[in-house]
């Protein structure tokens, strides 16, 4: 319902990029430029300074951006208020999740949500934590669920639950019968790890920096998914550290052994989303549902 020119301007101003705005809005870049110029002609002033392939808001642009924020907040409040009166909760949402969360946490959560709200369509995009945060920043997804700290202070980050990480080895490994292993001992063996940008990789690196004088990993192989990492360890190619939630089947079949780390390694699973309130009522319901789900399942393995 909002003025299309204002929506396009607001997206360009938030991302400070015509190219990214075009991708986010599913428009061509010339169409985005045209909408912004229309708004500039309406106000008879420039809203952006364009220098050396970079853009910044002019003083007038800053003022329009501030009012646009308030206008879109009011639109969202109006939409949510009317939908509360009618009891209607419907629409399409796009969620992004890092690989571990998408494979081991979200199927159950989204299944329960879909049962309660059948008129809401959920689209799921999977990437590593770094990629998911980038999607939230660019407004390509409504909600991200990640397994690593988020550095962007302009995003809202809510911890859902804590996840325990453990060392894994094949049953015939020297450490297989240990209940606990010091990280220094684990580093003596070839290490199978996730790719750079993975939440698991970031948590391991931070843990090593804080708990190990020599934090150099003897990396034998980098892989792109928990399943690939588990397969390499099962094949005797090295050891690794993974979420305990990802190895329940392997523990029952005794194809892998889990060993607690000393000191313990934990990480938060977190929701991350934009601060703007310009979103569907379905988004509010999904957030509230997910918070309750995490609270109800806090003591369980995923």
C-alpha atoms as a PDB file:
ATOM      1  CA  UNK A   1       0.000   0.000   0.000  1.00  0.00           C
ATOM      2  CA  UNK A   2       2.902   2.343   0.683  1.00  0.00           C
ATOM      3  CA  UNK A   3       4.172   4.673  -2.085  1.00  0.00           C
ATOM      4  CA  UNK A   4       6.350   2.481  -4.306  1.00  0.00           C
ATOM      5  CA  UNK A   5       8.851   5.293  -4.817  1.00  0.00           C
ATOM      6  CA  UNK A   6       9.277   5.586  -1.072  1.00  0.00           C
ATOM      7  CA  UNK A   7       9.699   1.831  -0.648  1.00  0.00           C
ATOM      8  CA  UNK A   8      12.410   1.738  -3.306  1.00  0.00           C
ATOM      9  CA  UNK A   9      14.169   4.787  -1.856  1.00  0.00           C
ATOM     10  CA  UNK A  10      14.020   3.285   1.648  1.00  0.00           C
ATOM     11  CA  UNK A  11      15.626   0.050   0.443  1.00  0.00           C
ATOM     12  CA  UNK A  12      18.419   1.869  -1.420  1.00  0.00           C
ATOM     13  CA  UNK A  13      19.059   4.109   1.595  1.00  0.00           C
ATOM     14  CA  UNK A  14      19.208   1.164   3.990  1.00  0.00           C
ATOM     15  CA  UNK A  15      21.598  -0.847   1.820  1.00  0.00           C
ATOM     16  CA  UNK A  16      23.419   2.171   0.305  1.00  0.00           C
ATOM     17  CA  UNK A  17      23.500   0.292  -2.968  1.00  0.00           C
ATOM     18  CA  UNK A  18      21.285   0.451  -6.055  1.00  0.00           C
ATOM     19  CA  UNK A  19      22.502  -2.998  -7.093  1.00  0.00           C
ATOM     20  CA  UNK A  20      21.654  -4.674  -3.770  1.00  0.00           C
ATOM     21  CA  UNK A  21      18.321  -2.845  -3.635  1.00  0.00           C
ATOM     22  CA  UNK A  22      17.436  -4.149  -7.095  1.00  0.00           C
ATOM     23  CA  UNK A  23      18.244  -7.713  -6.002  1.00  0.00           C
ATOM     24  CA  UNK A  24      16.241  -7.357  -2.790  1.00  0.00           C
ATOM     25  CA  UNK A  25      13.204  -5.867  -4.544  1.00  0.00           C
ATOM     26  CA  UNK A  26      13.443  -8.219  -7.557  1.00  0.00           C
ATOM     27  CA  UNK A  27      13.670  -5.231  -9.892  1.00  0.00           C
ATOM     28  CA  UNK A  28      16.123  -4.168 -12.554  1.00  0.00           C
ATOM     29  CA  UNK A  29      18.679  -1.557 -11.552  1.00  0.00           C
ATOM     30  CA  UNK A  30      17.370   0.996 -14.101  1.00  0.00           C
ATOM     31  CA  UNK A  31      13.881   0.584 -12.618  1.00  0.00           C
ATOM     32  CA  UNK A  32      15.237   1.274  -9.120  1.00  0.00           C
ATOM     33  CA  UNK A  33      17.116   4.329 -10.380  1.00  0.00           C
ATOM     34  CA  UNK A  34      13.960   5.583 -12.122  1.00  0.00           C
ATOM     35  CA  UNK A  35      11.864   5.309  -8.930  1.00  0.00           C
ATOM     36  CA  UNK A  36      14.469   7.206  -6.888  1.00  0.00           C
ATOM     37  CA  UNK A  37      14.721   9.949  -9.530  1.00  0.00           C
ATOM     38  CA  UNK A  38      10.928  10.265  -9.517  1.00  0.00           C
ATOM     39  CA  UNK A  39      11.048  10.883  -5.764  1.00  0.00           C
ATOM     40  CA  UNK A  40      13.901  13.382  -6.161  1.00  0.00           C
ATOM     41  CA  UNK A  41      11.884  15.238  -8.796  1.00  0.00           C
ATOM     42  CA  UNK A  42       8.879  15.250  -6.468  1.00  0.00           C
ATOM     43  CA  UNK A  43      10.919  16.874  -3.693  1.00  0.00           C
ATOM     44  CA  UNK A  44      12.969  18.918  -6.181  1.00  0.00           C
ATOM     45  CA  UNK A  45      16.236  17.967  -4.454  1.00  0.00           C
ATOM     46  CA  UNK A  46      18.887  15.276  -4.513  1.00  0.00           C
ATOM     47  CA  UNK A  47      18.442  12.503  -1.947  1.00  0.00           C
ATOM     48  CA  UNK A  48      21.767  10.759  -2.648  1.00  0.00           C
ATOM     49  CA  UNK A  49      25.301  11.917  -3.323  1.00  0.00           C
ATOM     50  CA  UNK A  50      26.954   9.718  -5.940  1.00  0.00           C
ATOM     51  CA  UNK A  51      30.782   9.711  -5.975  1.00  0.00           C
ATOM     52  CA  UNK A  52      33.307   7.100  -7.151  1.00  0.00           C
ATOM     53  CA  UNK A  53      30.726   4.312  -7.466  1.00  0.00           C
ATOM     54  CA  UNK A  54      29.560   4.916  -3.895  1.00  0.00           C
ATOM     55  CA  UNK A  55      26.428   6.611  -2.633  1.00  0.00           C
ATOM     56  CA  UNK A  56      25.522   8.410   0.584  1.00  0.00           C
ATOM     57  CA  UNK A  57      22.427  10.189   1.797  1.00  0.00           C
ATOM     58  CA  UNK A  58      22.213  13.955   1.500  1.00  0.00           C
ATOM     59  CA  UNK A  59      20.767  15.952   4.374  1.00  0.00           C
ATOM     60  CA  UNK A  60      17.386  15.854   2.630  1.00  0.00           C
ATOM     61  CA  UNK A  61      17.820  12.121   2.056  1.00  0.00           C
ATOM     62  CA  UNK A  62      18.473  11.541   5.756  1.00  0.00           C
ATOM     63  CA  UNK A  63      15.257  13.365   6.607  1.00  0.00           C
ATOM     64  CA  UNK A  64      13.177  11.427   4.062  1.00  0.00           C
ATOM     65  CA  UNK A  65      14.696   8.164   5.305  1.00  0.00           C
ATOM     66  CA  UNK A  66      13.753   9.005   8.895  1.00  0.00           C
ATOM     67  CA  UNK A  67      10.140   9.773   7.929  1.00  0.00           C
ATOM     68  CA  UNK A  68       9.986   6.653   5.736  1.00  0.00           C
ATOM     69  CA  UNK A  69      10.948   4.506   8.743  1.00  0.00           C
ATOM     70  CA  UNK A  70       8.070   5.962  10.738  1.00  0.00           C
ATOM     71  CA  UNK A  71       5.624   5.626   7.842  1.00  0.00           C
ATOM     72  CA  UNK A  72       6.424   1.952   7.322  1.00  0.00           C
ATOM     73  CA  UNK A  73       6.161   1.298  11.046  1.00  0.00           C
ATOM     74  CA  UNK A  74       2.664   2.809  10.976  1.00  0.00           C
ATOM     75  CA  UNK A  75       1.701   0.685   7.965  1.00  0.00           C
ATOM     76  CA  UNK A  76       2.885  -2.420   9.814  1.00  0.00           C
ATOM     77  CA  UNK A  77       1.006  -1.443  12.965  1.00  0.00           C
ATOM     78  CA  UNK A  78      -2.145  -0.858  10.922  1.00  0.00           C
ATOM     79  CA  UNK A  79      -1.855  -4.199   9.124  1.00  0.00           C
ATOM     80  CA  UNK A  80      -1.199  -6.124  12.329  1.00  0.00           C
ATOM     81  CA  UNK A  81      -4.029  -4.358  14.134  1.00  0.00           C
ATOM     82  CA  UNK A  82      -6.577  -5.195  11.425  1.00  0.00           C
ATOM     83  CA  UNK A  83      -5.375  -8.802  11.149  1.00  0.00           C
ATOM     84  CA  UNK A  84      -5.713  -9.176  14.940  1.00  0.00           C
ATOM     85  CA  UNK A  85      -9.342  -8.047  14.662  1.00  0.00           C
ATOM     86  CA  UNK A  86     -10.101 -10.495  11.862  1.00  0.00           C
ATOM     87  CA  UNK A  87      -7.991 -13.292  13.330  1.00  0.00           C
ATOM     88  CA  UNK A  88      -6.296 -13.773   9.958  1.00  0.00           C
ATOM     89  CA  UNK A  89      -2.745 -15.077   9.970  1.00  0.00           C
ATOM     90  CA  UNK A  90      -1.519 -15.856   6.480  1.00  0.00           C
ATOM     91  CA  UNK A  91       1.213 -14.964   4.021  1.00  0.00           C
ATOM     92  CA  UNK A  92       4.617 -16.163   2.858  1.00  0.00           C
ATOM     93  CA  UNK A  93       7.809 -16.003   4.927  1.00  0.00           C
ATOM     94  CA  UNK A  94      11.389 -16.771   3.979  1.00  0.00           C
ATOM     95  CA  UNK A  95      13.631 -18.209   6.684  1.00  0.00           C
ATOM     96  CA  UNK A  96      17.357 -18.757   6.425  1.00  0.00           C
ATOM     97  CA  UNK A  97      19.233 -21.261   8.561  1.00  0.00           C
ATOM     98  CA  UNK A  98      22.748 -22.550   8.867  1.00  0.00           C
ATOM     99  CA  UNK A  99      23.208 -26.165   7.834  1.00  0.00           C
ATOM    100  CA  UNK A 100      23.145 -27.801  11.277  1.00  0.00           C
ATOM    101  CA  UNK A 101      20.008 -25.949  12.336  1.00  0.00           C
ATOM    102  CA  UNK A 102      18.216 -26.549   9.017  1.00  0.00           C
ATOM    103  CA  UNK A 103      18.855 -30.292   9.185  1.00  0.00           C
ATOM    104  CA  UNK A 104      18.340 -31.005  12.891  1.00  0.00           C
ATOM    105  CA  UNK A 105      16.197 -28.280  14.492  1.00  0.00           C
ATOM    106  CA  UNK A 106      13.881 -26.630  11.969  1.00  0.00           C
ATOM    107  CA  UNK A 107      12.016 -29.650  10.516  1.00  0.00           C
ATOM    108  CA  UNK A 108      10.242 -30.295  13.816  1.00  0.00           C
ATOM    109  CA  UNK A 109       9.707 -26.603  14.621  1.00  0.00           C
ATOM    110  CA  UNK A 110       8.341 -25.704  11.185  1.00  0.00           C
ATOM    111  CA  UNK A 111       6.219 -28.857  11.072  1.00  0.00           C
ATOM    112  CA  UNK A 112       4.484 -27.884  14.312  1.00  0.00           C
ATOM    113  CA  UNK A 113       4.114 -24.269  13.136  1.00  0.00           C
ATOM    114  CA  UNK A 114       2.584 -25.393   9.838  1.00  0.00           C
ATOM    115  CA  UNK A 115       0.035 -27.519  11.675  1.00  0.00           C
ATOM    116  CA  UNK A 116      -1.082 -24.532  13.726  1.00  0.00           C
ATOM    117  CA  UNK A 117      -0.943 -21.973  10.888  1.00  0.00           C
ATOM    118  CA  UNK A 118      -1.719 -23.800   7.618  1.00  0.00           C
ATOM    119  CA  UNK A 119      -2.302 -20.525   5.725  1.00  0.00           C
ATOM    120  CA  UNK A 120       1.336 -19.438   6.200  1.00  0.00           C
ATOM    121  CA  UNK A 121       3.794 -20.593   3.531  1.00  0.00           C
ATOM    122  CA  UNK A 122       7.413 -21.025   4.643  1.00  0.00           C
ATOM    123  CA  UNK A 123      10.373 -20.894   2.249  1.00  0.00           C
ATOM    124  CA  UNK A 124      13.687 -22.134   3.668  1.00  0.00           C
ATOM    125  CA  UNK A 125      17.126 -21.093   2.439  1.00  0.00           C
ATOM    126  CA  UNK A 126      20.222 -22.893   3.736  1.00  0.00           C
ATOM    127  CA  UNK A 127      23.729 -21.456   3.968  1.00  0.00           C
ATOM    128  CA  UNK A 128      26.503 -21.153   6.532  1.00  0.00           C
ATOM    129  CA  UNK A 129      26.054 -18.647   9.376  1.00  0.00           C
ATOM    130  CA  UNK A 130      27.989 -15.916   7.576  1.00  0.00           C
ATOM    131  CA  UNK A 131      25.763 -16.271   4.529  1.00  0.00           C
ATOM    132  CA  UNK A 132      22.571 -16.203   6.594  1.00  0.00           C
ATOM    133  CA  UNK A 133      23.571 -12.986   8.366  1.00  0.00           C
ATOM    134  CA  UNK A 134      24.328 -11.420   4.979  1.00  0.00           C
ATOM    135  CA  UNK A 135      20.842 -12.412   3.748  1.00  0.00           C
ATOM    136  CA  UNK A 136      19.248 -10.762   6.789  1.00  0.00           C
ATOM    137  CA  UNK A 137      21.349  -7.620   6.280  1.00  0.00           C
ATOM    138  CA  UNK A 138      20.217  -7.407   2.647  1.00  0.00           C
ATOM    139  CA  UNK A 139      16.601  -8.155   3.593  1.00  0.00           C
ATOM    140  CA  UNK A 140      16.570 -11.257   1.381  1.00  0.00           C
ATOM    141  CA  UNK A 141      15.044 -13.300   4.212  1.00  0.00           C
ATOM    142  CA  UNK A 142      12.614 -12.417   7.007  1.00  0.00           C
ATOM    143  CA  UNK A 143      14.327 -14.394   9.761  1.00  0.00           C
ATOM    144  CA  UNK A 144      17.691 -16.092  10.172  1.00  0.00           C
ATOM    145  CA  UNK A 145      18.639 -18.829  12.619  1.00  0.00           C
ATOM    146  CA  UNK A 146      22.387 -19.089  13.139  1.00  0.00           C
ATOM    147  CA  UNK A 147      24.910 -20.960  15.254  1.00  0.00           C
ATOM    148  CA  UNK A 148      27.616 -18.308  15.618  1.00  0.00           C
ATOM    149  CA  UNK A 149      27.903 -14.828  17.196  1.00  0.00           C
ATOM    150  CA  UNK A 150      26.505 -11.955  15.085  1.00  0.00           C
ATOM    151  CA  UNK A 151      28.703  -8.871  14.874  1.00  0.00           C
ATOM    152  CA  UNK A 152      26.217  -6.473  13.223  1.00  0.00           C
ATOM    153  CA  UNK A 153      24.807  -4.327  16.039  1.00  0.00           C
ATOM    154  CA  UNK A 154      22.025  -3.054  13.759  1.00  0.00           C
ATOM    155  CA  UNK A 155      20.349  -6.455  13.751  1.00  0.00           C
ATOM    156  CA  UNK A 156      18.174  -7.942  16.501  1.00  0.00           C
ATOM    157  CA  UNK A 157      19.724 -11.132  17.906  1.00  0.00           C
ATOM    158  CA  UNK A 158      17.782 -13.374  20.312  1.00  0.00           C
ATOM    159  CA  UNK A 159      19.361 -16.499  21.798  1.00  0.00           C
ATOM    160  CA  UNK A 160      17.087 -19.500  21.278  1.00  0.00           C
ATOM    161  CA  UNK A 161      18.992 -22.226  23.121  1.00  0.00           C
ATOM    162  CA  UNK A 162      22.478 -23.522  23.847  1.00  0.00           C
ATOM    163  CA  UNK A 163      24.064 -26.350  21.899  1.00  0.00           C
ATOM    164  CA  UNK A 164      26.825 -28.659  23.166  1.00  0.00           C
ATOM    165  CA  UNK A 165      29.716 -29.515  20.880  1.00  0.00           C
ATOM    166  CA  UNK A 166      31.726 -32.710  21.363  1.00  0.00           C
ATOM    167  CA  UNK A 167      34.728 -34.445  19.823  1.00  0.00           C
ATOM    168  CA  UNK A 168      33.934 -37.383  17.544  1.00  0.00           C
ATOM    169  CA  UNK A 169      36.139 -40.345  16.627  1.00  0.00           C
ATOM    170  CA  UNK A 170      35.526 -43.773  15.048  1.00  0.00           C
ATOM    171  CA  UNK A 171      35.021 -46.730  17.468  1.00  0.00           C
ATOM    172  CA  UNK A 172      38.531 -48.122  16.821  1.00  0.00           C
ATOM    173  CA  UNK A 173      40.311 -44.827  17.584  1.00  0.00           C
ATOM    174  CA  UNK A 174      42.858 -44.445  20.403  1.00  0.00           C
ATOM    175  CA  UNK A 175      40.494 -42.019  22.193  1.00  0.00           C
ATOM    176  CA  UNK A 176      37.270 -43.952  21.574  1.00  0.00           C
ATOM    177  CA  UNK A 177      36.802 -45.111  25.183  1.00  0.00           C
ATOM    178  CA  UNK A 178      37.601 -41.745  26.793  1.00  0.00           C
ATOM    179  CA  UNK A 179      34.757 -39.846  28.459  1.00  0.00           C
ATOM    180  CA  UNK A 180      36.622 -36.529  28.320  1.00  0.00           C
ATOM    181  CA  UNK A 181      39.536 -35.250  26.272  1.00  0.00           C
ATOM    182  CA  UNK A 182      41.614 -32.113  26.638  1.00  0.00           C
ATOM    183  CA  UNK A 183      41.616 -29.989  23.508  1.00  0.00           C
ATOM    184  CA  UNK A 184      45.435 -30.116  23.367  1.00  0.00           C
ATOM    185  CA  UNK A 185      45.266 -33.922  23.088  1.00  0.00           C
ATOM    186  CA  UNK A 186      42.664 -33.747  20.311  1.00  0.00           C
ATOM    187  CA  UNK A 187      44.868 -31.400  18.298  1.00  0.00           C
ATOM    188  CA  UNK A 188      47.492 -34.140  17.991  1.00  0.00           C
ATOM    189  CA  UNK A 189      45.301 -35.906  15.410  1.00  0.00           C
ATOM    190  CA  UNK A 190      44.357 -34.921  11.811  1.00  0.00           C
ATOM    191  CA  UNK A 191      41.309 -32.672  12.053  1.00  0.00           C
ATOM    192  CA  UNK A 192      38.250 -32.730   9.793  1.00  0.00           C
ATOM    193  CA  UNK A 193      36.499 -29.363   9.874  1.00  0.00           C
ATOM    194  CA  UNK A 194      33.776 -27.273   8.281  1.00  0.00           C
ATOM    195  CA  UNK A 195      34.531 -24.540   5.757  1.00  0.00           C
ATOM    196  CA  UNK A 196      35.436 -20.948   6.675  1.00  0.00           C
ATOM    197  CA  UNK A 197      32.227 -18.987   7.385  1.00  0.00           C
ATOM    198  CA  UNK A 198      30.572 -21.959   9.065  1.00  0.00           C
ATOM    199  CA  UNK A 199      29.204 -21.257  12.543  1.00  0.00           C
ATOM    200  CA  UNK A 200      30.795 -24.448  13.865  1.00  0.00           C
ATOM    201  CA  UNK A 201      34.192 -23.422  12.482  1.00  0.00           C
ATOM    202  CA  UNK A 202      33.925 -19.960  14.065  1.00  0.00           C
ATOM    203  CA  UNK A 203      32.988 -21.391  17.468  1.00  0.00           C
ATOM    204  CA  UNK A 204      35.909 -23.856  17.374  1.00  0.00           C
ATOM    205  CA  UNK A 205      38.358 -21.097  16.435  1.00  0.00           C
ATOM    206  CA  UNK A 206      37.122 -18.872  19.268  1.00  0.00           C
ATOM    207  CA  UNK A 207      37.285 -21.781  21.727  1.00  0.00           C
ATOM    208  CA  UNK A 208      40.889 -22.534  20.736  1.00  0.00           C
ATOM    209  CA  UNK A 209      41.906 -18.884  21.074  1.00  0.00           C
ATOM    210  CA  UNK A 210      40.487 -18.802  24.609  1.00  0.00           C
ATOM    211  CA  UNK A 211      41.592 -22.217  25.871  1.00  0.00           C
ATOM    212  CA  UNK A 212      44.716 -23.342  24.035  1.00  0.00           C
ATOM    213  CA  UNK A 213      48.206 -21.821  23.999  1.00  0.00           C
ATOM    214  CA  UNK A 214      48.906 -23.372  20.595  1.00  0.00           C
ATOM    215  CA  UNK A 215      45.598 -23.007  18.768  1.00  0.00           C
ATOM    216  CA  UNK A 216      46.812 -24.310  15.397  1.00  0.00           C
ATOM    217  CA  UNK A 217      44.487 -26.897  13.884  1.00  0.00           C
ATOM    218  CA  UNK A 218      46.119 -29.790  12.047  1.00  0.00           C
ATOM    219  CA  UNK A 219      43.524 -29.533   9.272  1.00  0.00           C
ATOM    220  CA  UNK A 220      43.419 -32.596   7.055  1.00  0.00           C
ATOM    221  CA  UNK A 221      40.196 -31.768   5.223  1.00  0.00           C
ATOM    222  CA  UNK A 222      37.570 -28.999   5.006  1.00  0.00           C
ATOM    223  CA  UNK A 223      33.991 -30.060   4.213  1.00  0.00           C
ATOM    224  CA  UNK A 224      30.713 -28.263   3.631  1.00  0.00           C
ATOM    225  CA  UNK A 225      28.176 -30.114   5.774  1.00  0.00           C
ATOM    226  CA  UNK A 226      27.846 -32.027   9.075  1.00  0.00           C
ATOM    227  CA  UNK A 227      27.043 -35.215   7.140  1.00  0.00           C
ATOM    228  CA  UNK A 228      30.267 -34.980   5.146  1.00  0.00           C
ATOM    229  CA  UNK A 229      32.303 -34.356   8.307  1.00  0.00           C
ATOM    230  CA  UNK A 230      30.745 -37.373  10.051  1.00  0.00           C
ATOM    231  CA  UNK A 231      31.391 -39.567   7.023  1.00  0.00           C
ATOM    232  CA  UNK A 232      35.073 -38.613   6.913  1.00  0.00           C
ATOM    233  CA  UNK A 233      35.515 -39.360  10.629  1.00  0.00           C
ATOM    234  CA  UNK A 234      33.681 -42.688  10.295  1.00  0.00           C
ATOM    235  CA  UNK A 235      36.113 -43.574   7.495  1.00  0.00           C
ATOM    236  CA  UNK A 236      39.052 -43.027   9.873  1.00  0.00           C
ATOM    237  CA  UNK A 237      40.384 -39.932   8.117  1.00  0.00           C
ATOM    238  CA  UNK A 238      40.639 -37.866  11.294  1.00  0.00           C
ATOM    239  CA  UNK A 239      38.781 -36.453  14.280  1.00  0.00           C
ATOM    240  CA  UNK A 240      36.355 -33.554  14.494  1.00  0.00           C
ATOM    241  CA  UNK A 241      34.136 -31.447  16.741  1.00  0.00           C
ATOM    242  CA  UNK A 242      30.407 -31.319  15.988  1.00  0.00           C
ATOM    243  CA  UNK A 243      27.082 -30.589  17.650  1.00  0.00           C
ATOM    244  CA  UNK A 244      25.953 -33.505  19.790  1.00  0.00           C
ATOM    245  CA  UNK A 245      22.552 -33.016  18.182  1.00  0.00           C
ATOM    246  CA  UNK A 246      23.895 -34.144  14.810  1.00  0.00           C
ATOM    247  CA  UNK A 247      25.207 -37.570  15.892  1.00  0.00           C
ATOM    248  CA  UNK A 248      22.287 -39.269  17.665  1.00  0.00           C
ATOM    249  CA  UNK A 249      21.856 -41.889  14.926  1.00  0.00           C
ATOM    250  CA  UNK A 250      25.607 -42.608  14.751  1.00  0.00           C
ATOM    251  CA  UNK A 251      25.840 -43.052  18.517  1.00  0.00           C
ATOM    252  CA  UNK A 252      22.994 -45.592  18.481  1.00  0.00           C
ATOM    253  CA  UNK A 253      24.636 -47.510  15.613  1.00  0.00           C
ATOM    254  CA  UNK A 254      28.080 -47.178  17.263  1.00  0.00           C
ATOM    255  CA  UNK A 255      29.658 -45.855  14.076  1.00  0.00           C
ATOM    256  CA  UNK A 256      30.975 -42.848  16.006  1.00  0.00           C
ATOM    257  CA  UNK A 257      31.972 -42.185  19.600  1.00  0.00           C
ATOM    258  CA  UNK A 258      31.362 -38.817  21.300  1.00  0.00           C
ATOM    259  CA  UNK A 259      33.873 -37.439  23.793  1.00  0.00           C
ATOM    260  CA  UNK A 260      33.226 -34.433  26.006  1.00  0.00           C
ATOM    261  CA  UNK A 261      35.769 -31.644  25.687  1.00  0.00           C
ATOM    262  CA  UNK A 262      37.631 -30.143  28.627  1.00  0.00           C
ATOM    263  CA  UNK A 263      36.726 -27.370  29.112  1.00  0.00           C
ATOM    264  CA  UNK A 264      33.216 -27.854  27.728  1.00  0.00           C
ATOM    265  CA  UNK A 265      32.355 -26.230  24.388  1.00  0.00           C
ATOM    266  CA  UNK A 266      28.921 -24.660  23.931  1.00  0.00           C
ATOM    267  CA  UNK A 267      27.392 -22.151  21.567  1.00  0.00           C
ATOM    268  CA  UNK A 268      24.052 -20.348  21.256  1.00  0.00           C
ATOM    269  CA  UNK A 269      21.551 -20.933  18.497  1.00  0.00           C
ATOM    270  CA  UNK A 270      20.099 -17.483  17.778  1.00  0.00           C
ATOM    271  CA  UNK A 271      17.315 -15.808  15.835  1.00  0.00           C
ATOM    272  CA  UNK A 272      18.455 -12.770  13.857  1.00  0.00           C
ATOM    273  CA  UNK A 273      16.262 -10.256  12.048  1.00  0.00           C
ATOM    274  CA  UNK A 274      15.991  -6.623  11.053  1.00  0.00           C
ATOM    275  CA  UNK A 275      14.936  -4.032  13.614  1.00  0.00           C
ATOM    276  CA  UNK A 276      12.231  -2.631  11.342  1.00  0.00           C
ATOM    277  CA  UNK A 277       8.705  -3.552  12.361  1.00  0.00           C
ATOM    278  CA  UNK A 278       7.521  -3.470   8.725  1.00  0.00           C
ATOM    279  CA  UNK A 279       6.602  -7.151   8.483  1.00  0.00           C
ATOM    280  CA  UNK A 280       3.616  -9.447   8.315  1.00  0.00           C
ATOM    281  CA  UNK A 281       1.657 -10.568  11.339  1.00  0.00           C
ATOM    282  CA  UNK A 282       2.750 -14.079  10.337  1.00  0.00           C
ATOM    283  CA  UNK A 283       6.343 -13.077  11.088  1.00  0.00           C
ATOM    284  CA  UNK A 284       5.388 -11.994  14.608  1.00  0.00           C
ATOM    285  CA  UNK A 285       3.562 -15.280  15.151  1.00  0.00           C
ATOM    286  CA  UNK A 286       6.500 -17.314  13.872  1.00  0.00           C
ATOM    287  CA  UNK A 287       8.924 -15.529  16.201  1.00  0.00           C
ATOM    288  CA  UNK A 288       6.641 -16.026  19.180  1.00  0.00           C
ATOM    289  CA  UNK A 289       6.073 -19.683  18.262  1.00  0.00           C
ATOM    290  CA  UNK A 290       9.820 -20.288  17.842  1.00  0.00           C
ATOM    291  CA  UNK A 291      10.597 -18.689  21.205  1.00  0.00           C
ATOM    292  CA  UNK A 292       8.086 -20.973  22.893  1.00  0.00           C
ATOM    293  CA  UNK A 293       9.390 -24.011  21.024  1.00  0.00           C
ATOM    294  CA  UNK A 294      12.963 -23.349  22.163  1.00  0.00           C
ATOM    295  CA  UNK A 295      11.831 -22.844  25.747  1.00  0.00           C
ATOM    296  CA  UNK A 296       9.797 -26.079  25.728  1.00  0.00           C
ATOM    297  CA  UNK A 297      12.675 -28.091  24.239  1.00  0.00           C
ATOM    298  CA  UNK A 298      15.515 -26.436  26.128  1.00  0.00           C
ATOM    299  CA  UNK A 299      16.593 -29.591  27.946  1.00  0.00           C
ATOM    300  CA  UNK A 300      16.357 -31.932  24.953  1.00  0.00           C
ATOM    301  CA  UNK A 301      18.883 -32.785  22.283  1.00  0.00           C
ATOM    302  CA  UNK A 302      17.668 -31.382  18.961  1.00  0.00           C
END
